[in-house]
Amino acid sequence: MSGSFEVEVDDGKNSKSFFLNNPQEGLYIPNYLWAAEKKFSSGAICLVLASDFYEESDYIRDYDKFIILKNDGK
């Protein structure tokens, strides 16, 4: 929406960073990927759209737990 920031996306084996600085562009992050937003410019505003209502229990907040769950699923 405003300013710039970086999003690092990780599938448990590979990671890639995306630099977002254009309010006309977005980044789609599918399920089962770890994403971390960082390096926000001063006054940056990030808009997040989701496909469902927020439920805290739907989210994994610990990266090590994420890796264990990713590896158990394969």
PDB file of N, CA and C in Angstrom:
ATOM      1  N   MET A   1       0.813  -1.192   0.000  1.00  0.00           N
ATOM      2  CA  MET A   1       0.000   0.000   0.000  1.00  0.00           C
ATOM      3  C   MET A   1       0.859   1.258   0.000  1.00  0.00           C
ATOM      4  N   SER A   2       1.971   1.204   0.771  1.00  0.00           N
ATOM      5  CA  SER A   2       2.828   2.378   0.845  1.00  0.00           C
ATOM      6  C   SER A   2       4.202   1.959   1.338  1.00  0.00           C
ATOM      7  N   GLY A   3       5.249   2.602   0.822  1.00  0.00           N
ATOM      8  CA  GLY A   3       6.596   2.280   1.262  1.00  0.00           C
ATOM      9  C   GLY A   3       7.096   0.987   0.650  1.00  0.00           C
ATOM     10  N   SER A   4       8.019   0.356   1.348  1.00  0.00           N
ATOM     11  CA  SER A   4       8.585  -0.885   0.839  1.00  0.00           C
ATOM     12  C   SER A   4       8.938  -1.824   1.984  1.00  0.00           C
ATOM     13  N   PHE A   5       9.061  -3.113   1.651  1.00  0.00           N
ATOM     14  CA  PHE A   5       9.487  -4.128   2.605  1.00  0.00           C
ATOM     15  C   PHE A   5       9.862  -5.386   1.839  1.00  0.00           C
ATOM     16  N   GLU A   6      10.438  -6.319   2.545  1.00  0.00           N
ATOM     17  CA  GLU A   6      10.881  -7.573   1.961  1.00  0.00           C
ATOM     18  C   GLU A   6      10.074  -8.721   2.559  1.00  0.00           C
ATOM     19  N   VAL A   7       9.762  -9.705   1.733  1.00  0.00           N
ATOM     20  CA  VAL A   7       9.076 -10.905   2.205  1.00  0.00           C
ATOM     21  C   VAL A   7       9.963 -12.098   1.856  1.00  0.00           C
ATOM     22  N   GLU A   8      10.341 -12.865   2.869  1.00  0.00           N
ATOM     23  CA  GLU A   8      11.100 -14.092   2.641  1.00  0.00           C
ATOM     24  C   GLU A   8      10.125 -15.254   2.732  1.00  0.00           C
ATOM     25  N   VAL A   9      10.094 -16.073   1.687  1.00  0.00           N
ATOM     26  CA  VAL A   9       9.197 -17.223   1.610  1.00  0.00           C
ATOM     27  C   VAL A   9      10.051 -18.481   1.607  1.00  0.00           C
ATOM     28  N   ASP A  10       9.657 -19.465   2.416  1.00  0.00           N
ATOM     29  CA  ASP A  10      10.468 -20.665   2.622  1.00  0.00           C
ATOM     30  C   ASP A  10       9.549 -21.889   2.597  1.00  0.00           C
ATOM     31  N   ASP A  11       9.936 -22.911   1.821  1.00  0.00           N
ATOM     32  CA  ASP A  11       9.139 -24.139   1.771  1.00  0.00           C
ATOM     33  C   ASP A  11       9.718 -25.248   2.640  1.00  0.00           C
ATOM     34  N   GLY A  12      10.717 -24.934   3.439  1.00  0.00           N
ATOM     35  CA  GLY A  12      11.363 -25.922   4.292  1.00  0.00           C
ATOM     36  C   GLY A  12      12.655 -26.440   3.695  1.00  0.00           C
ATOM     37  N   LYS A  13      12.847 -26.236   2.400  1.00  0.00           N
ATOM     38  CA  LYS A  13      14.078 -26.653   1.728  1.00  0.00           C
ATOM     39  C   LYS A  13      14.740 -25.491   0.998  1.00  0.00           C
ATOM     40  N   ASN A  14      13.927 -24.634   0.417  1.00  0.00           N
ATOM     41  CA  ASN A  14      14.424 -23.489  -0.339  1.00  0.00           C
ATOM     42  C   ASN A  14      13.741 -22.222   0.143  1.00  0.00           C
ATOM     43  N   SER A  15      14.475 -21.121   0.053  1.00  0.00           N
ATOM     44  CA  SER A  15      13.861 -19.840   0.410  1.00  0.00           C
ATOM     45  C   SER A  15      14.162 -18.820  -0.684  1.00  0.00           C
ATOM     46  N   LYS A  16      13.270 -17.848  -0.784  1.00  0.00           N
ATOM     47  CA  LYS A  16      13.423 -16.779  -1.771  1.00  0.00           C
ATOM     48  C   LYS A  16      12.872 -15.495  -1.165  1.00  0.00           C
ATOM     49  N   SER A  17      13.533 -14.399  -1.445  1.00  0.00           N
ATOM     50  CA  SER A  17      13.087 -13.099  -0.941  1.00  0.00           C
ATOM     51  C   SER A  17      12.491 -12.270  -2.071  1.00  0.00           C
ATOM     52  N   PHE A  18      11.447 -11.533  -1.729  1.00  0.00           N
ATOM     53  CA  PHE A  18      10.769 -10.652  -2.669  1.00  0.00           C
ATOM     54  C   PHE A  18      10.777  -9.252  -2.073  1.00  0.00           C
ATOM     55  N   PHE A  19      11.194  -8.275  -2.865  1.00  0.00           N
ATOM     56  CA  PHE A  19      11.190  -6.883  -2.435  1.00  0.00           C
ATOM     57  C   PHE A  19       9.947  -6.220  -3.011  1.00  0.00           C
ATOM     58  N   LEU A  20       9.072  -5.758  -2.147  1.00  0.00           N
ATOM     59  CA  LEU A  20       7.820  -5.139  -2.577  1.00  0.00           C
ATOM     60  C   LEU A  20       7.907  -3.625  -2.358  1.00  0.00           C
ATOM     61  N   ASN A  21       7.733  -2.880  -3.442  1.00  0.00           N
ATOM     62  CA  ASN A  21       7.799  -1.418  -3.329  1.00  0.00           C
ATOM     63  C   ASN A  21       6.851  -0.713  -4.296  1.00  0.00           C
ATOM     64  N   ASN A  22       5.915  -1.465  -4.876  1.00  0.00           N
ATOM     65  CA  ASN A  22       4.958  -0.895  -5.815  1.00  0.00           C
ATOM     66  C   ASN A  22       3.554  -1.207  -5.314  1.00  0.00           C
ATOM     67  N   PRO A  23       2.761  -0.193  -4.963  1.00  0.00           N
ATOM     68  CA  PRO A  23       1.432  -0.463  -4.410  1.00  0.00           C
ATOM     69  C   PRO A  23       0.473  -1.117  -5.406  1.00  0.00           C
ATOM     70  N   GLN A  24       0.854  -1.190  -6.673  1.00  0.00           N
ATOM     71  CA  GLN A  24       0.001  -1.835  -7.675  1.00  0.00           C
ATOM     72  C   GLN A  24       0.338  -3.314  -7.848  1.00  0.00           C
ATOM     73  N   GLU A  25       1.307  -3.808  -7.111  1.00  0.00           N
ATOM     74  CA  GLU A  25       1.706  -5.205  -7.197  1.00  0.00           C
ATOM     75  C   GLU A  25       1.512  -5.879  -5.848  1.00  0.00           C
ATOM     76  N   GLY A  26       1.313  -7.201  -5.886  1.00  0.00           N
ATOM     77  CA  GLY A  26       1.142  -7.961  -4.663  1.00  0.00           C
ATOM     78  C   GLY A  26       1.924  -9.256  -4.747  1.00  0.00           C
ATOM     79  N   LEU A  27       1.840 -10.033  -3.699  1.00  0.00           N
ATOM     80  CA  LEU A  27       2.523 -11.310  -3.638  1.00  0.00           C
ATOM     81  C   LEU A  27       1.553 -12.345  -3.097  1.00  0.00           C
ATOM     82  N   TYR A  28       1.298 -13.392  -3.878  1.00  0.00           N
ATOM     83  CA  TYR A  28       0.438 -14.490  -3.440  1.00  0.00           C
ATOM     84  C   TYR A  28       1.308 -15.531  -2.757  1.00  0.00           C
ATOM     85  N   ILE A  29       0.950 -15.899  -1.531  1.00  0.00           N
ATOM     86  CA  ILE A  29       1.682 -16.919  -0.786  1.00  0.00           C
ATOM     87  C   ILE A  29       0.708 -18.051  -0.489  1.00  0.00           C
ATOM     88  N   PRO A  30       0.872 -19.209  -1.166  1.00  0.00           N
ATOM     89  CA  PRO A  30      -0.041 -20.334  -0.932  1.00  0.00           C
ATOM     90  C   PRO A  30       0.159 -20.965   0.450  1.00  0.00           C
ATOM     91  N   ASN A  31      -0.733 -21.862   0.802  1.00  0.00           N
ATOM     92  CA  ASN A  31      -0.648 -22.588   2.077  1.00  0.00           C
ATOM     93  C   ASN A  31       0.656 -23.359   2.195  1.00  0.00           C
ATOM     94  N   TYR A  32       1.040 -23.637   3.423  1.00  0.00           N
ATOM     95  CA  TYR A  32       2.171 -24.499   3.760  1.00  0.00           C
ATOM     96  C   TYR A  32       3.521 -23.921   3.352  1.00  0.00           C
ATOM     97  N   LEU A  33       3.621 -22.601   3.367  1.00  0.00           N
ATOM     98  CA  LEU A  33       4.898 -21.925   3.179  1.00  0.00           C
ATOM     99  C   LEU A  33       5.133 -21.017   4.381  1.00  0.00           C
ATOM    100  N   TRP A  34       6.370 -20.913   4.792  1.00  0.00           N
ATOM    101  CA  TRP A  34       6.749 -20.001   5.860  1.00  0.00           C
ATOM    102  C   TRP A  34       7.016 -18.643   5.225  1.00  0.00           C
ATOM    103  N   ALA A  35       6.471 -17.602   5.766  1.00  0.00           N
ATOM    104  CA  ALA A  35       6.693 -16.262   5.225  1.00  0.00           C
ATOM    105  C   ALA A  35       7.047 -15.314   6.367  1.00  0.00           C
ATOM    106  N   ALA A  36       8.035 -14.479   6.114  1.00  0.00           N
ATOM    107  CA  ALA A  36       8.460 -13.495   7.108  1.00  0.00           C
ATOM    108  C   ALA A  36       8.628 -12.146   6.420  1.00  0.00           C
ATOM    109  N   GLU A  37       7.982 -11.146   6.961  1.00  0.00           N
ATOM    110  CA  GLU A  37       8.086  -9.788   6.437  1.00  0.00           C
ATOM    111  C   GLU A  37       9.154  -9.057   7.238  1.00  0.00           C
ATOM    112  N   LYS A  38      10.004  -8.307   6.543  1.00  0.00           N
ATOM    113  CA  LYS A  38      11.087  -7.605   7.233  1.00  0.00           C
ATOM    114  C   LYS A  38      11.554  -6.408   6.415  1.00  0.00           C
ATOM    115  N   LYS A  39      12.467  -5.657   6.982  1.00  0.00           N
ATOM    116  CA  LYS A  39      13.084  -4.495   6.337  1.00  0.00           C
ATOM    117  C   LYS A  39      12.055  -3.481   5.826  1.00  0.00           C
ATOM    118  N   PHE A  40      11.104  -3.151   6.685  1.00  0.00           N
ATOM    119  CA  PHE A  40      10.087  -2.156   6.335  1.00  0.00           C
ATOM    120  C   PHE A  40      10.715  -0.764   6.259  1.00  0.00           C
ATOM    121  N   SER A  41      10.363  -0.016   5.221  1.00  0.00           N
ATOM    122  CA  SER A  41      10.793   1.375   5.153  1.00  0.00           C
ATOM    123  C   SER A  41       9.988   2.180   6.174  1.00  0.00           C
ATOM    124  N   SER A  42      10.468   3.349   6.475  1.00  0.00           N
ATOM    125  CA  SER A  42       9.783   4.210   7.427  1.00  0.00           C
ATOM    126  C   SER A  42       8.371   4.528   6.929  1.00  0.00           C
ATOM    127  N   GLY A  43       7.377   4.287   7.753  1.00  0.00           N
ATOM    128  CA  GLY A  43       5.996   4.586   7.413  1.00  0.00           C
ATOM    129  C   GLY A  43       5.350   3.597   6.456  1.00  0.00           C
ATOM    130  N   ALA A  44       5.992   2.453   6.224  1.00  0.00           N
ATOM    131  CA  ALA A  44       5.438   1.458   5.294  1.00  0.00           C
ATOM    132  C   ALA A  44       4.113   0.904   5.804  1.00  0.00           C
ATOM    133  N   ILE A  45       3.210   0.615   4.879  1.00  0.00           N
ATOM    134  CA  ILE A  45       1.917   0.011   5.196  1.00  0.00           C
ATOM    135  C   ILE A  45       1.771  -1.235   4.335  1.00  0.00           C
ATOM    136  N   CYS A  46       1.497  -2.353   4.993  1.00  0.00           N
ATOM    137  CA  CYS A  46       1.340  -3.651   4.316  1.00  0.00           C
ATOM    138  C   CYS A  46      -0.116  -4.088   4.444  1.00  0.00           C
ATOM    139  N   LEU A  47      -0.737  -4.431   3.338  1.00  0.00           N
ATOM    140  CA  LEU A  47      -2.119  -4.914   3.335  1.00  0.00           C
ATOM    141  C   LEU A  47      -2.098  -6.421   3.097  1.00  0.00           C
ATOM    142  N   VAL A  48      -2.773  -7.167   3.968  1.00  0.00           N
ATOM    143  CA  VAL A  48      -2.850  -8.625   3.838  1.00  0.00           C
ATOM    144  C   VAL A  48      -4.297  -9.014   3.591  1.00  0.00           C
ATOM    145  N   LEU A  49      -4.520  -9.799   2.539  1.00  0.00           N
ATOM    146  CA  LEU A  49      -5.844 -10.330   2.233  1.00  0.00           C
ATOM    147  C   LEU A  49      -5.817 -11.839   2.467  1.00  0.00           C
ATOM    148  N   ALA A  50      -6.865 -12.372   3.034  1.00  0.00           N
ATOM    149  CA  ALA A  50      -6.912 -13.800   3.346  1.00  0.00           C
ATOM    150  C   ALA A  50      -8.204 -14.407   2.803  1.00  0.00           C
ATOM    151  N   SER A  51      -8.188 -15.720   2.642  1.00  0.00           N
ATOM    152  CA  SER A  51      -9.340 -16.423   2.073  1.00  0.00           C
ATOM    153  C   SER A  51     -10.374 -16.811   3.126  1.00  0.00           C
ATOM    154  N   ASP A  52     -10.057 -16.591   4.393  1.00  0.00           N
ATOM    155  CA  ASP A  52     -10.980 -16.985   5.457  1.00  0.00           C
ATOM    156  C   ASP A  52     -10.758 -16.079   6.665  1.00  0.00           C
ATOM    157  N   PHE A  53     -11.638 -16.185   7.645  1.00  0.00           N
ATOM    158  CA  PHE A  53     -11.491 -15.422   8.868  1.00  0.00           C
ATOM    159  C   PHE A  53     -10.236 -15.867   9.607  1.00  0.00           C
ATOM    160  N   TYR A  54      -9.621 -14.955  10.349  1.00  0.00           N
ATOM    161  CA  TYR A  54      -8.411 -15.243  11.109  1.00  0.00           C
ATOM    162  C   TYR A  54      -8.717 -16.177  12.272  1.00  0.00           C
ATOM    163  N   GLU A  55      -7.933 -17.244  12.367  1.00  0.00           N
ATOM    164  CA  GLU A  55      -7.973 -18.171  13.506  1.00  0.00           C
ATOM    165  C   GLU A  55      -6.539 -18.402  13.944  1.00  0.00           C
ATOM    166  N   GLU A  56      -6.185 -17.965  15.134  1.00  0.00           N
ATOM    167  CA  GLU A  56      -4.814 -18.107  15.632  1.00  0.00           C
ATOM    168  C   GLU A  56      -4.334 -19.554  15.539  1.00  0.00           C
ATOM    169  N   SER A  57      -5.207 -20.508  15.797  1.00  0.00           N
ATOM    170  CA  SER A  57      -4.810 -21.924  15.785  1.00  0.00           C
ATOM    171  C   SER A  57      -4.443 -22.434  14.390  1.00  0.00           C
ATOM    172  N   ASP A  58      -4.756 -21.687  13.345  1.00  0.00           N
ATOM    173  CA  ASP A  58      -4.400 -22.079  11.977  1.00  0.00           C
ATOM    174  C   ASP A  58      -2.943 -21.766  11.639  1.00  0.00           C
ATOM    175  N   TYR A  59      -2.248 -21.052  12.507  1.00  0.00           N
ATOM    176  CA  TYR A  59      -0.914 -20.562  12.196  1.00  0.00           C
ATOM    177  C   TYR A  59       0.161 -21.259  13.027  1.00  0.00           C
ATOM    178  N   ILE A  60       1.296 -21.490  12.409  1.00  0.00           N
ATOM    179  CA  ILE A  60       2.471 -22.026  13.089  1.00  0.00           C
ATOM    180  C   ILE A  60       3.400 -20.839  13.327  1.00  0.00           C
ATOM    181  N   ARG A  61       3.756 -20.602  14.562  1.00  0.00           N
ATOM    182  CA  ARG A  61       4.570 -19.432  14.907  1.00  0.00           C
ATOM    183  C   ARG A  61       6.041 -19.778  15.146  1.00  0.00           C
ATOM    184  N   ASP A  62       6.386 -21.066  15.145  1.00  0.00           N
ATOM    185  CA  ASP A  62       7.747 -21.509  15.420  1.00  0.00           C
ATOM    186  C   ASP A  62       8.317 -22.206  14.184  1.00  0.00           C
ATOM    187  N   TYR A  63       9.432 -21.691  13.658  1.00  0.00           N
ATOM    188  CA  TYR A  63      10.007 -22.223  12.418  1.00  0.00           C
ATOM    189  C   TYR A  63      10.418 -23.688  12.568  1.00  0.00           C
ATOM    190  N   ASP A  64      11.016 -24.057  13.700  1.00  0.00           N
ATOM    191  CA  ASP A  64      11.425 -25.454  13.903  1.00  0.00           C
ATOM    192  C   ASP A  64      10.221 -26.394  13.865  1.00  0.00           C
ATOM    193  N   LYS A  65       9.120 -25.977  14.425  1.00  0.00           N
ATOM    194  CA  LYS A  65       7.882 -26.770  14.385  1.00  0.00           C
ATOM    195  C   LYS A  65       7.374 -26.882  12.938  1.00  0.00           C
ATOM    196  N   PHE A  66       7.475 -25.795  12.187  1.00  0.00           N
ATOM    197  CA  PHE A  66       7.098 -25.795  10.774  1.00  0.00           C
ATOM    198  C   PHE A  66       7.894 -26.846  10.004  1.00  0.00           C
ATOM    199  N   ILE A  67       9.213 -26.893  10.218  1.00  0.00           N
ATOM    200  CA  ILE A  67      10.077 -27.851   9.522  1.00  0.00           C
ATOM    201  C   ILE A  67       9.682 -29.281   9.881  1.00  0.00           C
ATOM    202  N   ILE A  68       9.404 -29.532  11.131  1.00  0.00           N
ATOM    203  CA  ILE A  68       8.995 -30.880  11.557  1.00  0.00           C
ATOM    204  C   ILE A  68       7.697 -31.274  10.881  1.00  0.00           C
ATOM    205  N   LEU A  69       6.712 -30.371  10.846  1.00  0.00           N
ATOM    206  CA  LEU A  69       5.438 -30.667  10.215  1.00  0.00           C
ATOM    207  C   LEU A  69       5.583 -30.860   8.706  1.00  0.00           C
ATOM    208  N   LYS A  70       6.430 -30.057   8.053  1.00  0.00           N
ATOM    209  CA  LYS A  70       6.673 -30.211   6.616  1.00  0.00           C
ATOM    210  C   LYS A  70       7.300 -31.570   6.310  1.00  0.00           C
ATOM    211  N   ASN A  71       8.258 -31.995   7.142  1.00  0.00           N
ATOM    212  CA  ASN A  71       8.936 -33.260   6.914  1.00  0.00           C
ATOM    213  C   ASN A  71       8.052 -34.462   7.225  1.00  0.00           C
ATOM    214  N   ASP A  72       7.156 -34.328   8.198  1.00  0.00           N
ATOM    215  CA  ASP A  72       6.226 -35.417   8.539  1.00  0.00           C
ATOM    216  C   ASP A  72       5.217 -35.641   7.429  1.00  0.00           C
ATOM    217  N   GLY A  73       4.901 -34.574   6.684  1.00  0.00           N
ATOM    218  CA  GLY A  73       3.904 -34.665   5.620  1.00  0.00           C
ATOM    219  C   GLY A  73       4.432 -35.274   4.340  1.00  0.00           C
ATOM    220  N   LYS A  74       5.732 -35.543   4.281  1.00  0.00           N
ATOM    221  CA  LYS A  74       6.314 -36.062   3.023  1.00  0.00           C
ATOM    222  C   LYS A  74       6.999 -37.384   3.242  1.00  0.00           C
TER     223      LYS A  74
END
